[in-house]
Each structure stands twice: as structure tokens, then as C-alpha cells.
Protein backbone atom coordinates (compact mmCIF):
# COMPACT_ATOMS: atom_id res chain seq x y z
CA MET A 1 -19.35 -126.63 105.14
CA LEU A 2 -16.63 -127.81 107.28
CA LEU A 3 -14.09 -131.36 106.76
CA GLN A 4 -15.75 -131.91 110.12
CA ASP A 5 -19.03 -132.68 108.12
CA THR A 6 -17.81 -136.08 107.95
CA GLN A 7 -21.95 -137.38 106.48
CA LEU A 8 -22.01 -135.11 103.43
CA LEU A 9 -18.24 -136.00 102.49
CA GLU A 10 -19.04 -139.61 102.65
CA THR A 11 -22.48 -138.93 100.59
CA LEU A 12 -20.39 -137.09 98.19
CA ALA A 13 -17.62 -139.44 97.58
CA HIS A 14 -19.95 -142.10 97.49
CA PHE A 15 -21.86 -140.59 94.70
CA SER A 16 -18.89 -140.11 92.45
CA ARG A 17 -17.92 -144.04 93.05
CA GLU A 18 -21.52 -145.11 92.31
CA ARG A 19 -21.10 -146.34 88.66
CA ILE A 20 -19.31 -149.71 88.16
CA PRO A 21 -17.67 -150.03 84.62
CA GLU A 22 -20.29 -151.32 82.28
CA ARG A 23 -19.89 -154.70 80.06
CA VAL A 24 -18.36 -153.82 77.23
CA VAL A 25 -20.88 -155.98 75.22
CA HIS A 26 -23.91 -157.28 76.66
CA ALA A 27 -24.46 -154.04 78.61
CA LYS A 28 -28.28 -153.72 78.23
CA ALA A 29 -30.17 -156.33 79.82
CA ALA A 30 -33.26 -157.46 81.70
CA GLY A 31 -33.21 -159.94 84.38
CA ALA A 32 -34.88 -162.42 86.33
CA ARG A 33 -34.66 -165.50 88.85
CA GLY A 34 -36.49 -168.76 88.48
CA TYR A 35 -36.12 -172.72 88.35
CA PHE A 36 -35.40 -175.34 85.90
CA GLU A 37 -37.37 -178.60 85.87
CA VAL A 38 -36.39 -181.90 84.57
CA THR A 39 -39.32 -183.45 82.20
CA HIS A 40 -37.30 -186.15 80.22
CA ASP A 41 -34.66 -188.62 81.36
CA ILE A 42 -31.15 -188.19 79.60
CA SER A 43 -29.24 -190.30 82.30
CA ASP A 44 -27.86 -192.21 79.29
CA ILE A 45 -25.70 -189.46 77.91
CA THR A 46 -25.18 -187.50 81.54
CA ASP A 47 -24.31 -187.67 85.02
CA ALA A 48 -24.89 -183.94 85.40
CA ASP A 49 -26.75 -183.99 88.32
CA PHE A 50 -29.35 -181.11 87.50
CA LEU A 51 -29.73 -182.33 84.31
CA THR A 52 -31.15 -186.20 86.17
CA GLY A 53 -34.21 -187.00 87.80
CA ILE A 54 -37.22 -186.31 86.42
CA GLY A 55 -38.98 -183.63 88.63
CA LYS A 56 -36.03 -182.12 90.15
CA LYS A 57 -36.15 -178.50 90.07
CA THR A 58 -32.77 -175.87 90.60
CA GLU A 59 -32.60 -171.97 91.36
CA LEU A 60 -31.89 -170.34 88.42
CA LEU A 61 -30.91 -166.26 87.68
CA THR A 62 -30.88 -164.87 84.23
CA ARG A 63 -29.96 -161.97 82.23
CA ILE A 64 -31.30 -161.15 78.38
CA SER A 65 -29.45 -158.65 76.91
CA THR A 66 -29.13 -156.52 73.62
CA VAL A 67 -25.12 -157.01 71.93
CA GLY A 68 -23.66 -153.92 70.73
CA PRO A 69 -25.08 -150.66 72.81
CA GLU A 70 -24.52 -149.19 75.69
CA ARG A 71 -26.62 -149.90 78.93
CA GLY A 72 -28.97 -146.54 78.78
CA SER A 73 -29.79 -147.95 74.95
CA ALA A 74 -33.16 -148.90 73.62
CA ASP A 75 -33.61 -152.61 73.92
CA THR A 76 -36.06 -153.28 71.00
CA ILE A 77 -33.25 -151.82 68.61
CA ARG A 78 -32.30 -154.76 65.41
CA ASP A 79 -29.89 -156.80 67.29
CA PHE A 80 -28.79 -160.19 68.72
CA HIS A 81 -30.07 -160.70 72.36
CA GLY A 82 -27.51 -162.49 74.67
CA TRP A 83 -29.02 -164.84 77.02
CA ALA A 84 -27.06 -166.17 80.18
CA ILE A 85 -28.42 -168.27 82.73
CA LYS A 86 -26.86 -169.15 86.08
CA PHE A 87 -28.33 -172.83 87.66
CA LYS A 88 -27.22 -172.84 91.37
CA THR A 89 -27.17 -176.58 91.41
CA ALA A 90 -25.96 -179.03 94.17
CA GLU A 91 -22.52 -179.55 92.46
CA GLY A 92 -21.86 -176.24 92.12
CA ASN A 93 -22.89 -173.40 89.64
CA ASN A 94 -23.53 -174.02 85.67
CA ASP A 95 -23.46 -170.97 83.39
CA TRP A 96 -25.23 -171.09 80.21
CA VAL A 97 -24.21 -168.26 78.01
CA PHE A 98 -26.46 -168.38 74.76
CA ASN A 99 -27.77 -165.87 72.45
CA ASN A 100 -31.15 -165.65 70.55
CA GLN A 101 -30.52 -166.77 67.19
CA PRO A 102 -29.15 -170.53 66.28
CA VAL A 103 -25.62 -169.04 64.32
CA PHE A 104 -23.09 -166.46 64.94
CA PHE A 105 -20.96 -163.96 62.98
CA VAL A 106 -17.67 -165.30 63.33
CA ARG A 107 -15.56 -168.76 64.21
CA ASP A 108 -12.33 -167.75 64.87
CA PRO A 109 -11.94 -166.18 68.25
CA VAL A 110 -9.27 -163.58 66.90
CA LYS A 111 -12.00 -161.87 65.18
CA PHE A 112 -14.49 -161.32 68.14
CA PRO A 113 -13.47 -158.15 69.83
CA SER A 114 -13.15 -156.78 65.60
CA LEU A 115 -16.86 -157.74 65.36
CA ASN A 116 -17.99 -156.12 68.28
CA ARG A 117 -16.14 -152.95 67.54
CA SER A 118 -17.45 -152.84 64.06
CA HIS A 119 -21.01 -152.95 65.69
CA LYS A 120 -20.18 -150.29 68.12
CA ARG A 121 -19.46 -146.58 67.75
CA HIS A 122 -16.99 -144.91 65.17
CA PRO A 123 -13.55 -143.84 67.10
CA VAL A 124 -13.96 -140.06 65.05
CA THR A 125 -17.53 -139.22 65.14
CA ASN A 126 -18.74 -141.57 68.01
CA ALA A 127 -21.65 -142.49 66.27
CA ALA A 128 -23.03 -146.01 64.75
CA ASP A 129 -21.30 -146.37 61.56
CA ALA A 130 -22.67 -148.41 58.24
CA ASP A 131 -19.27 -148.32 56.65
CA MET A 132 -17.16 -149.74 59.43
CA PHE A 133 -19.72 -152.66 60.45
CA TRP A 134 -19.98 -153.58 56.26
CA ASP A 135 -16.13 -153.07 56.17
CA PHE A 136 -16.25 -155.76 58.59
CA HIS A 137 -18.72 -158.24 57.64
CA VAL A 138 -17.71 -158.56 53.32
CA ASN A 139 -14.18 -159.08 54.85
CA SER A 140 -16.05 -162.19 57.02
CA PRO A 141 -18.00 -164.06 54.37
CA GLU A 142 -18.86 -166.19 57.07
CA SER A 143 -20.79 -164.14 59.02
CA ILE A 144 -23.55 -164.23 56.10
CA HIS A 145 -25.42 -167.10 58.16
CA ALA A 146 -26.07 -164.78 61.20
CA LEU A 147 -26.62 -161.37 58.87
CA MET A 148 -29.54 -163.20 57.47
CA PHE A 149 -31.06 -163.85 60.60
CA LEU A 150 -30.15 -160.21 62.08
CA PHE A 151 -31.99 -158.64 58.54
CA SER A 152 -34.62 -161.07 58.80
CA ASP A 153 -38.38 -161.06 60.73
CA ARG A 154 -36.73 -162.34 63.45
CA GLY A 155 -33.99 -159.34 64.03
CA ILE A 156 -36.47 -157.62 66.75
CA PRO A 157 -38.15 -159.70 69.53
CA ALA A 158 -41.42 -158.35 70.12
CA SER A 159 -41.10 -159.42 73.87
CA LEU A 160 -38.29 -161.36 75.98
CA ARG A 161 -41.40 -164.06 76.26
CA ASN A 162 -41.31 -164.76 72.78
CA ILE A 163 -37.35 -165.54 72.04
CA ASN A 164 -35.49 -168.86 71.96
CA GLY A 165 -31.74 -169.44 73.28
CA TYR A 166 -28.99 -171.61 71.25
CA SER A 167 -26.53 -172.70 72.94
CA GLY A 168 -24.01 -172.21 69.37
CA HIS A 169 -21.13 -174.14 70.51
CA THR A 170 -21.05 -177.47 70.75
CA TYR A 171 -20.64 -179.17 74.35
CA LYS A 172 -19.84 -182.53 75.70
CA PHE A 173 -22.03 -184.56 78.18
CA THR A 174 -20.38 -187.19 80.02
CA LYS A 175 -20.60 -189.85 81.98
CA LYS A 176 -18.58 -191.43 84.67
CA ASP A 177 -17.66 -194.66 82.36
CA GLY A 178 -15.70 -192.38 80.10
CA SER A 179 -18.51 -192.18 77.19
CA TYR A 180 -20.02 -188.90 76.23
CA HIS A 181 -21.87 -187.06 73.10
CA PHE A 182 -21.35 -184.05 71.76
CA VAL A 183 -23.96 -181.79 72.23
CA LYS A 184 -26.17 -178.71 71.25
CA ILE A 185 -28.62 -176.98 73.46
CA HIS A 186 -32.04 -175.11 72.53
CA ILE A 187 -34.14 -173.14 74.53
CA LEU A 188 -37.89 -172.66 72.75
CA SER A 189 -40.12 -170.16 73.86
CA ASN A 190 -43.33 -171.91 74.88
CA LEU A 191 -45.45 -168.59 73.38
CA GLY A 192 -44.12 -168.79 70.21
CA ILE A 193 -41.71 -166.55 68.63
CA LYS A 194 -43.05 -162.89 68.15
CA THR A 195 -41.39 -160.23 66.49
CA LEU A 196 -41.47 -156.12 65.55
CA THR A 197 -41.16 -154.91 62.64
CA SER A 198 -38.13 -152.29 61.77
CA ALA A 199 -40.92 -148.93 61.99
CA GLU A 200 -42.44 -150.56 65.54
CA GLY A 201 -39.00 -150.92 66.59
CA ASN A 202 -37.76 -147.66 66.12
CA SER A 203 -40.80 -146.53 67.27
CA LEU A 204 -40.44 -147.71 70.47
CA ALA A 205 -37.19 -146.85 70.72
CA GLY A 206 -37.97 -143.78 70.63
CA THR A 207 -40.94 -143.69 72.97
CA HIS A 208 -40.60 -146.45 75.02
CA PRO A 209 -36.62 -147.49 75.05
CA ASP A 210 -37.27 -149.97 77.88
CA ALA A 211 -40.23 -151.72 76.38
CA LEU A 212 -38.65 -155.42 76.72
CA THR A 213 -37.43 -155.05 80.37
CA LEU A 214 -40.32 -153.67 81.64
CA ASP A 215 -42.42 -155.96 79.87
CA LEU A 216 -41.10 -159.08 81.29
CA PHE A 217 -40.87 -157.60 84.99
CA GLU A 218 -44.52 -156.65 84.11
CA ALA A 219 -45.55 -159.95 83.43
CA ILE A 220 -43.40 -161.98 86.12
CA ALA A 221 -45.00 -159.10 88.54
CA THR A 222 -48.66 -160.13 87.57
CA GLY A 223 -48.29 -163.88 88.08
CA ASN A 224 -47.66 -164.57 84.04
CA PHE A 225 -44.50 -166.60 84.55
CA PRO A 226 -42.84 -166.73 81.15
CA SER A 227 -41.72 -170.78 80.50
CA TYR A 228 -39.48 -172.22 77.89
CA ASN A 229 -38.70 -176.03 77.11
CA VAL A 230 -35.13 -176.81 76.80
CA TYR A 231 -34.08 -178.91 74.55
CA ILE A 232 -30.43 -180.94 73.33
CA GLN A 233 -29.38 -182.26 70.10
CA THR A 234 -26.73 -184.86 70.31
CA LEU A 235 -23.94 -186.71 68.38
CA ALA A 236 -22.42 -189.79 69.08
CA PRO A 237 -18.49 -189.54 68.68
CA SER A 238 -18.17 -191.86 65.92
CA ALA A 239 -20.81 -190.01 63.56
CA VAL A 240 -18.35 -186.81 63.52
CA PRO A 241 -16.42 -188.01 60.60
CA THR A 242 -19.64 -188.25 58.38
CA PHE A 243 -21.06 -185.56 59.73
CA PRO A 244 -22.04 -182.92 56.93
CA VAL A 245 -20.71 -179.93 58.89
CA ASN A 246 -17.98 -179.02 61.10
CA ILE A 247 -19.50 -179.84 64.50
CA PHE A 248 -16.84 -177.15 66.24
CA ASP A 249 -18.03 -174.45 63.82
CA MET A 250 -20.61 -171.57 65.58
CA THR A 251 -21.65 -170.07 61.86
CA LYS A 252 -23.19 -173.43 61.35
CA VAL A 253 -26.69 -175.15 62.60
CA TRP A 254 -27.02 -179.12 62.92
CA PRO A 255 -29.75 -180.50 60.47
CA HIS A 256 -32.31 -181.74 62.87
CA SER A 257 -33.15 -184.46 60.06
CA LEU A 258 -29.55 -185.99 61.88
CA ALA A 259 -29.53 -184.73 64.98
CA PRO A 260 -33.09 -184.26 66.20
CA LEU A 261 -34.22 -182.35 68.98
CA ARG A 262 -34.64 -184.38 72.27
CA GLN A 263 -36.34 -182.87 75.37
CA VAL A 264 -34.39 -181.98 78.37
CA GLY A 265 -36.72 -180.17 80.52
CA LYS A 266 -38.18 -176.48 81.17
CA ILE A 267 -37.41 -172.89 82.78
CA VAL A 268 -39.86 -170.94 84.31
CA LEU A 269 -39.14 -167.37 85.31
CA ASP A 270 -41.47 -166.58 88.35
CA LYS A 271 -39.33 -163.70 90.40
CA ASN A 272 -37.88 -160.48 89.62
CA PRO A 273 -34.76 -159.08 91.05
CA GLU A 274 -34.75 -157.41 94.17
CA ASN A 275 -32.51 -154.59 93.70
CA TYR A 276 -31.06 -154.26 89.90
CA PHE A 277 -27.56 -153.73 90.99
CA SER A 278 -27.09 -156.71 93.30
CA ASP A 279 -29.08 -159.03 91.85
CA ILE A 280 -28.47 -158.29 87.74
CA GLU A 281 -25.78 -155.58 87.21
CA GLN A 282 -23.44 -157.37 89.69
CA ALA A 283 -24.35 -160.80 87.71
CA ALA A 284 -21.32 -162.53 86.52
CA PHE A 285 -21.80 -165.10 83.71
CA SER A 286 -19.18 -167.31 82.04
CA PRO A 287 -19.50 -170.52 79.54
CA SER A 288 -16.58 -172.12 81.73
CA ALA A 289 -18.83 -172.50 84.81
CA MET A 290 -19.80 -176.52 84.16
CA VAL A 291 -20.54 -179.33 86.59
CA PRO A 292 -19.55 -182.39 86.39
CA GLY A 293 -21.28 -184.72 83.53
CA ILE A 294 -20.80 -181.27 81.11
CA GLU A 295 -17.36 -180.82 79.42
CA PRO A 296 -16.13 -178.43 76.63
CA SER A 297 -15.31 -179.26 73.29
CA ALA A 298 -12.76 -178.42 70.85
CA ASP A 299 -14.89 -175.37 69.58
CA PRO A 300 -12.52 -172.44 69.33
CA MET A 301 -14.76 -169.89 70.01
CA LEU A 302 -16.03 -171.55 73.30
CA GLN A 303 -12.57 -172.29 74.31
CA ALA A 304 -11.51 -168.38 73.94
CA ARG A 305 -14.97 -167.37 75.76
CA MET A 306 -14.40 -169.79 78.87
CA PHE A 307 -11.29 -167.09 79.04
CA ALA A 308 -12.49 -163.51 77.80
CA TYR A 309 -15.92 -163.79 80.13
CA PRO A 310 -14.03 -164.64 83.90
CA ASP A 311 -11.45 -162.13 82.76
CA ALA A 312 -14.25 -159.46 82.49
CA GLN A 313 -16.13 -160.06 85.64
CA ARG A 314 -12.48 -159.81 87.28
CA TYR A 315 -12.04 -156.27 85.94
CA ARG A 316 -15.73 -154.97 86.24
CA LEU A 317 -16.32 -156.40 90.04
CA GLY A 318 -12.50 -157.82 90.89
CA VAL A 319 -11.23 -160.84 91.54
CA ASN A 320 -13.38 -161.81 94.28
CA TYR A 321 -16.61 -161.08 92.55
CA GLN A 322 -17.79 -165.24 92.94
CA PHE A 323 -18.95 -164.44 96.62
CA LEU A 324 -21.29 -161.71 95.89
CA PRO A 325 -24.52 -163.01 96.79
CA THR A 326 -25.87 -163.09 93.35
CA ASN A 327 -23.08 -165.28 91.97
CA ALA A 328 -21.93 -167.35 94.93
CA ALA A 329 -22.80 -170.76 94.59
CA LYS A 330 -25.57 -172.87 96.83
CA SER A 331 -22.81 -175.74 97.14
CA GLY A 332 -19.70 -175.55 99.35
CA VAL A 333 -16.85 -174.16 97.44
CA TYR A 334 -13.19 -175.15 98.84
CA CYS A 335 -10.33 -173.43 96.51
CA PRO A 336 -7.78 -172.43 99.06
CA THR A 337 -5.45 -171.34 96.17
CA GLU A 338 -7.36 -168.52 95.30
CA ARG A 339 -7.75 -165.89 98.05
CA ASP A 340 -6.59 -162.30 99.21
CA GLY A 341 -7.75 -159.77 96.36
CA PHE A 342 -10.10 -156.76 96.40
CA MET A 343 -13.15 -157.20 98.57
CA ASN A 344 -12.53 -160.44 100.19
CA PHE A 345 -15.38 -160.84 102.74
CA LYS A 346 -14.79 -164.17 103.64
CA THR A 347 -12.67 -166.04 106.23
CA ASN A 348 -10.20 -165.87 103.29
CA TYR A 349 -9.40 -169.97 104.58
CA GLY A 350 -7.77 -169.15 107.67
CA GLY A 351 -4.27 -170.86 108.24
CA ASP A 352 -5.34 -173.62 105.60
CA PRO A 353 -2.20 -173.95 102.87
CA ASN A 354 -2.33 -171.37 99.68
CA TYR A 355 -0.88 -174.01 97.61
CA VAL A 356 -1.44 -177.53 95.72
CA GLY A 357 0.49 -180.50 97.02
CA SER A 358 0.70 -179.79 100.81
CA LYS A 359 0.50 -182.88 103.19
CA LEU A 360 -0.41 -180.76 106.16
CA ARG A 361 -4.03 -180.32 104.52
CA PRO A 362 -3.91 -182.63 101.70
CA THR A 363 -7.12 -181.54 99.17
CA ALA A 364 -8.03 -183.04 95.79
CA PHE A 365 -9.94 -181.93 92.92
CA LYS A 366 -13.20 -182.88 92.30
CA GLY A 367 -13.68 -184.94 88.97
CA ALA A 368 -9.72 -185.73 88.99
CA GLY A 369 -10.30 -189.01 87.07
CA GLU A 370 -8.94 -192.08 89.08
CA THR A 371 -6.90 -189.80 91.37
CA ASN A 372 -7.49 -190.43 95.37
CA GLY A 373 -7.31 -188.02 97.45
CA VAL A 374 -8.60 -186.06 101.09
CA ALA A 375 -10.99 -183.42 100.94
CA ASN A 376 -12.48 -181.63 103.84
CA GLY A 377 -10.33 -184.07 105.98
CA SER A 378 -11.92 -187.08 104.82
CA VAL A 379 -11.00 -189.62 102.23
CA MET A 380 -12.84 -189.41 98.94
CA GLU A 381 -12.20 -191.16 95.43
CA ALA A 382 -12.15 -187.73 93.34
CA ASN A 383 -15.80 -188.23 91.93
CA GLY A 384 -15.47 -191.69 90.75
CA ALA A 385 -14.95 -189.94 87.04
CA LYS A 386 -12.69 -191.73 84.62
CA SER A 387 -10.26 -189.42 82.31
CA ILE A 388 -11.57 -189.21 78.60
CA PRO A 389 -8.80 -190.44 76.17
CA LYS A 390 -6.48 -188.09 75.39
CA GLU A 391 -6.16 -189.60 71.89
CA ASP A 392 -9.70 -189.05 71.12
CA LYS A 393 -9.03 -186.60 67.99
CA PHE A 394 -12.48 -185.18 68.30
CA SER A 395 -12.33 -183.34 71.41
CA ALA A 396 -8.47 -182.68 71.91
CA THR A 397 -7.12 -181.76 68.58
CA PRO A 398 -6.70 -178.15 68.21
CA VAL A 399 -9.22 -176.87 65.13
CA THR A 400 -7.49 -175.30 62.58
CA PHE A 401 -10.61 -174.18 60.14
CA THR A 402 -11.32 -171.08 61.61
CA SER A 403 -10.32 -168.59 59.05
CA GLU A 404 -10.63 -170.28 55.88
CA VAL A 405 -13.74 -170.17 54.19
CA THR A 406 -15.57 -172.29 51.41
CA ASP A 407 -18.38 -172.48 49.73
CA ASP A 408 -19.92 -174.52 52.69
CA ASP A 409 -20.13 -171.42 54.21
CA PHE A 410 -22.97 -170.67 51.76
CA VAL A 411 -24.93 -174.08 51.72
CA GLN A 412 -26.96 -172.91 55.00
CA PRO A 413 -27.65 -169.28 54.22
CA ARG A 414 -28.94 -170.70 50.27
CA ALA A 415 -31.43 -173.08 52.62
CA LEU A 416 -32.52 -170.25 54.76
CA TRP A 417 -32.94 -168.08 51.85
CA GLU A 418 -35.19 -170.94 50.42
CA VAL A 419 -36.88 -170.65 53.68
CA PHE A 420 -37.79 -166.92 53.34
CA GLY A 421 -39.10 -167.73 49.61
CA ARG A 422 -41.39 -169.82 51.44
CA GLN A 423 -43.05 -167.12 53.38
CA GLU A 424 -45.26 -164.65 51.95
CA GLY A 425 -43.07 -161.28 51.57
CA CYS A 426 -40.18 -162.46 53.63
CA GLN A 427 -37.70 -162.39 51.09
CA GLU A 428 -38.96 -158.67 50.21
CA ARG A 429 -38.80 -157.75 53.66
CA PHE A 430 -34.86 -158.84 54.08
CA VAL A 431 -33.66 -157.16 51.33
CA ASP A 432 -35.59 -154.08 52.15
CA THR A 433 -34.08 -154.27 55.49
CA VAL A 434 -30.71 -154.91 54.23
CA ALA A 435 -31.34 -151.98 51.57
CA GLU A 436 -32.47 -149.09 54.27
CA HIS A 437 -28.64 -150.03 56.36
CA VAL A 438 -26.40 -149.99 53.39
CA SER A 439 -28.19 -147.31 51.98
CA GLN A 440 -26.11 -145.04 54.73
CA VAL A 441 -22.90 -146.92 53.82
CA LYS A 442 -20.79 -143.69 52.07
CA ARG A 443 -18.21 -145.52 49.99
CA ASP A 444 -19.07 -146.72 46.53
CA TRP A 445 -16.56 -149.29 46.81
CA LEU A 446 -18.28 -150.31 49.60
CA ARG A 447 -21.21 -151.07 48.45
CA GLU A 448 -20.12 -152.72 45.68
CA GLU A 449 -18.29 -155.39 47.93
CA ILE A 450 -21.71 -155.61 50.56
CA PHE A 451 -23.36 -157.01 46.97
CA ARG A 452 -20.61 -159.21 46.41
CA LYS A 453 -20.66 -160.91 49.82
CA PHE A 454 -24.43 -161.92 48.82
CA THR A 455 -23.47 -163.48 45.76
CA PRO A 456 -23.05 -167.20 46.57
CA LEU A 457 -26.72 -167.35 47.69
CA SER A 458 -28.38 -168.08 44.93
CA SER A 459 -28.98 -167.97 41.14
CA PRO A 460 -27.41 -164.57 39.91
CA TYR A 461 -28.79 -161.82 38.64
CA THR A 462 -27.62 -158.51 36.58
CA PHE A 463 -27.37 -155.26 39.01
CA ILE A 464 -26.89 -152.20 36.98
CA SER A 465 -25.62 -149.60 39.65
CA CYS A 466 -27.98 -146.46 39.62
CA THR A 467 -25.00 -143.80 40.38
CA LEU A 468 -22.13 -145.69 38.71
CA CYS A 469 -23.67 -146.39 35.36
CA THR A 470 -21.45 -149.76 35.75
CA SER A 471 -22.23 -153.21 35.83
CA VAL A 472 -21.96 -154.82 39.53
CA PRO A 473 -21.18 -158.39 40.02
CA PRO A 474 -24.07 -160.58 39.89
CA PHE A 475 -26.51 -160.68 43.32
CA PRO A 476 -28.18 -163.34 44.86
CA PHE A 477 -31.60 -162.27 44.24
CA PRO A 478 -32.75 -158.68 42.98
CA PHE A 479 -32.01 -156.48 45.24
CA TRP A 480 -35.01 -154.10 44.13
CA GLY A 481 -34.49 -151.81 47.62
CA PHE A 482 -30.88 -150.89 46.53
CA VAL A 483 -31.99 -150.02 43.41
CA LEU A 484 -34.74 -147.59 45.09
CA LEU A 485 -32.00 -146.41 47.77
CA LEU A 486 -28.64 -146.06 45.41
């Protein structure tokens, strides 16, 4: 071999650089393309173009993932699943970045990195660690609602065709006249929810670690296109003060009796990726990608994710990640204040001013209230939109509830426990599943703290520790599984 063997050197050099940083969370995923179709009229609450006009179809890209494990891990482990969707609308990209469970573990964004670290590998052993997992959760009592979904029968999907998706966050759907509603979004599978037991999930993880990924791919390849109906829950601003839960709290659901589901449309997945890396691994989603007619609320987790998600993509893919074909908007984008940077393969806006306030080539931001401006050389009023009043205390005031834990944090988990009780064997399976996980905890004091975490759920029972022979604080239900495993 000589240094003049250019093809060999290029091949070796490229091979060492084929991998890009994988996602810190949501690394393992399946992906597909499809469309969203409007089936019901909601033009009374939003002017979003892709959500109005019955029969209108919008191209979409979706990515469904586990959360904690690495890209090479099994997809049938017990974990939340993320569900990201990019709608390529006539007004630009609109991203939904949802989960397959209706609630989340925390509502304080400063806890978000710690939550995910506690679900990952121990910094010394480099292995999953039950003590680390439970140490975080016993010190975050608000996580109990999400833990009940995680360790319930719904903890392991049997297929990505049989999962639901939930915004978790509260959004605002707006109109040009200044009116708006608070909204939560639900995506419900037309095939219903199907799940695996722990034994089934563990078996597939060892023998068929890509089971869910290939199930979705093969279904689409054979023309068995999965479909899901999209619904919203809506709440008028005037109803917020008397609503029984804080509408900006991701650990809570909105009671359907007070905010019933209203259908919007349907999602159909009908095309597999042509190349996984270019279509799915390079795909970048962010809840900050919104079109006119949809706005963020004061939800603190949403506000934090609107920064964290695009920033993660700037790290993984580079500052110009939105130019990649899988991410590029179908509509025209003109933003000359964002230019240069690594891998800029566009015209870079030529000689247009790269600053705001130019009279050489005046520009206006779409949706900029009553302000008039010039865009692409023609005078236009910026979308004719009216600004929502700044004094609106439900959309503009910072939320300060995030870390305070009250009895309200246990009302919905108690109700969920009662729901488990109406399904034969569901409570027992939940207890056994939690017990199996807690049996791996090495510290006795931490086990006691875990038991205390569940105390507020229901009428107390007294439990005598088999290992310590001491009375442990009351539990919400008889932990038969713990008795056997301690």
C-alpha cells in the first residue's frame, strides 16, 4: 500500500467517520412516512392550515422509539415510547413530539436530565442499576402516576401498530381574531392497544431484539397500513380557574368528563424509509416547530423542550440540520439571519442582508401581529394576525408549581389503582412487576423509601419486613410480590 492509493485511504477515512452521535434519549427507533387527513372540522378553534378543510391531506414523517436504552438495544423492553411526527404543511413544518403514555414522570424541567440519567447506566458499573432508578423516583413523588403506567400491563407494546400517542403538554390553538383554546392532543390506534407480558418482552429481547421495528416495516411493506385517529381535548381560558387539575402539569390527565375527546383527523403510515440513515437517523424533531394557529402554553416542560430538542440536533447533525432533505420544509423558507455554518449546501441567501432592520431588503416575520412588512420583494401584512393580550395570566405568567408535591399528585394515581382493580388480576400483575424490579435494589433503606412512595395511593396496610423484622410504614395495597422477594 502506498499513500498514492487514494481510494483505499478515502474508504478507510470514511469508514471511521460513518457514525454520528446517537440521541442521548430515544436512540432506538422505527420510522415511516405517511399522511394526515382532516376528517372533522375544528376551524372554530384554530386557523392552522393543515388542521382545517375536511379531506385535506398533509405528508408526514414519523419516528417511534424507546426512551432510555441505546440504538442497539432491544425494542421490547419495559419503557415509555416516544412518538415524533413531522407534518410537512403548506405553512412550514409542524412537529409533534409525544409519548405513548398520557402522563410523564416530572413536571419540573430541571429534573429532566436527572430522570434520564437515573434510567440509564451506572457511571461505575456501566450497567442498569435499580438503586439509581428508585433513588431518583422516591425523591420525586410526582412520578408515581407515570410509574403506574410503566409497570402496568401497558408497559410493553406488542406492536407499534397498537400504541397510542399523547401530547402530554398543553398547547394553544389560536385564531386570527385573537381567540384561543388550550388543547391536549391524543392519537389512538384503530387496532387498539396490545401489549406483552414481562416474560414475553424479555424473551423477544433475547431472541428478536428488533421485533417491533420489523413488525411495522413488514406490515407497511405488505400493504397492511396502520392507521390512527387524532383527537383533541379543549379548554376555554375562562374554564381554567375552576378546572380540577393544573393544566400545565404533565403528570396529570384532563378528565374526559370535563374535556371530552373531539376528533380532528386520521394518520396513515403507508411508506417505509428508502434508507434508514438518511430518512430516520437524520430526522430531527422539536416541539418548537409550530405553524400559525398553534402556539405553546406556559407549560414549563414544553418551554424547556422547545430549546433542548433543536439544540440536541444542532449537536448531532450540525447547525444546518434543517436543510437535510428528510427535515426540509415543503414550503419556502426565507431566514437570512441564519446562515453559514458547517455543511451549508444551499445558496446561503447570496448577498441578502444577514441582519434584521434592513431597508436594503426589508423583511417581515410571518404572524407578527398588526405589523406591516415586506417579504420576498412584495408588501404584505404579516398573516393578518392579532397578538394575544400580554396580560393573559393563563398564557403569559411563569408557572411556579413545578416542585411542590401535594395530595393532588396522588388523586389520579389512586383513581388509576381503582381502574386496575376493575380488570381481573391487573393489580396483582402491577404489584408483581414492581416487586420484580425492586428485588434488584441492594439498599434496605431505599426499599423502605420505595414502599413509602406508594403509601398515599389507598387505604393502608401494615407490612412487616421479612429481612429487617421491623415494621415498615403502611402500604397502599398488599405487596405480596415484595413479601416473596425480600
